Amino acid sequence: MKDKIKEIPVIVTETLTALTSAGFEAYLVGGCVRDLLLDIKPKDWDVTTNANPEEIQKLYKKTVYENKYGTVGVINESVKDITLREIQITPYRTETTYSDKRRPDNVVFTTDIKDDLKRRDFTINAMALSLPNVSINEKSKGQIGYILLDIFNGQEDLAQKIIRTVGNPKDRFNEDALRMLRAVRLASELGFKVSHETENGIKENAKHIKEIAPERIKDELAKIIMSFRAGEGIRMMQYYGLLEYIMPELEEGIGIEQNKAHKFTVWDHNIKALEHAASKENWPLEIRMAALLHDVGKPKSRRWSEEKGDWTFYGHDVLGAKMATKMLARLKFSKDTIDLVAKFVRHHLFFSDTEKITLSAVRRTVRNVGKDHVWDLMKVRFADRIGMGRPKETPYRLRKYEAMIEEAMRSPLSVTALKIGGQEIMKLIKINPGPKIGYILHILLDEVLDDPKKNTTEYLQKRTIELGALADKDLEKLAKQAKDKKNELEQAEIKQIRQKWWVK
């Protein structure tokens, strides 16, 4: 424990010391204690004390207190780490009934930390830690070492990797129904199992999740999707009966067989696609969510084809995009997230025969999802492929598409890059519209490609006057040479791109 305590930031210990120096008790509590014991860097630091909110506020330069639960935020504007900008301090408290299964109807401040720990959700979150040389009362002043209060055997559950409620699961979930989803989230993030009693408590109370505000559900769901075990988390939600109140559309894929190209049902395929996306640490929420929802439209679009002797799913991409939009809007995801996920779902079928696909079709795909996100669409496609039970190595046609995307996105060698245009050329050498303007532009482009420094208005005007004095026959010859050279350069670039992706 001593080594773990050394990892606690100075600003946190100073926050505790301010309380104990004033004669109050002070403990780190909740998730940060759990994470310290697991050798995980805490995402936030919560403190509990026997001081009341007014007494807490007097001890710090800048605080925020805008709630009825006693939580005071201590603001540290000079700290670079955003997780330390605000440290929350809450008085020991007990809570009365939860008539809305979301928030306590009333809180009562208490002087005994054990009363405070009894109200917490899970045993692994119900431990409190005082730090070395931080006294918690007059008798313990100057003591060496720490005090870890663990009255619900949280350490034992940590060691056994178990999520267990503090006390009766029914009581905890009736207090705040979101705790059921939080149990799934913690299990997904930590790789823990949920205790048998807690599992039964979730199943019995799952229907109450619909009483929770969509914004709160969204936050927990996003964390599940962003966990390494996201697929397992979604399966747990379905097993416990939570998913039908959050994303019932996903459950429509359970038991739905697909065509011969797929080894798995729609449900399993979607989960496996998410599992691949979640195995990539840097893949953002939108890619993971799109991997999960990319085939959500299949159950409603499934038809049997006598001609093919197989199932078809025509239009499931369009339908799926509409469904994804509706689902995410219902959960109050941001408009940007909804729009991007819907685009990925809508265009995840951009694959076809690489011998027939045209560069213009690829350009349309790039235009539809945007240059900033076309490679993310490729990631959704990778997840889709692996969700089909295909090999993990990049197949030829995926590489071919990557090459075509890069080719479609490359900056073309065009006369539009010149700092002179056709109208200006006509004015300079006093000619009417005709092929001579094109000849001059191509010759100028050739010179600029050889030496980009020549792409100045002054040089190009001067050179235009010189070229304008040439006979049309000579000008046409020079222009043809310039065009041929430009084509050679473009082909060399394209060859380089294709060699990079090992395609023809």
Foldseek 3Di string as FASTA:
>chain_A
DVVLLVPDDPLLLVLLQLQVVVFKAKWWFFPCVLCSLVVHHDLATEMEIQDFLVVSVVSADDWDDDDQQRKIWHADPVDPPPRVRTYIYHYQWAADAQPLLAAGPHIDGDHDNVNSLLLDFWQSRSKIKDAAQRDRHDVCHPPGDMDIDRPPPNVVCSVQQETETRPQLLRNCSNHVCSLLVRLLCCQQVVGYYDPRNLVSLLVCLVSVLSDALQSVVVSLLSLLLHLNNLVSVVSCVVSVNCCSQPVLLVLQVPADFWPLFPDTSNLLLSQLLNVQNNDNPRHSLLSVLSNQLQSQQSVQWDQDPVVRTIDRPPSLVVSLVSQLVSVVSSVDDPVSNVLSSLLSNCLPLDDPLVPDDLVSLLVNCVSNDVVCPVSSLSSNLSSCVSRVDDNDDDPRSLSSVLSNCLSPDDALDLVPAPDDLVRLCVLLVDDDDCLSVLLSLLQSLVCVVPVVCRDPVNSSVVSNVLSPDDPVVSNVSSVVSVVVSVVVSVVVSVVSCVVSVHD
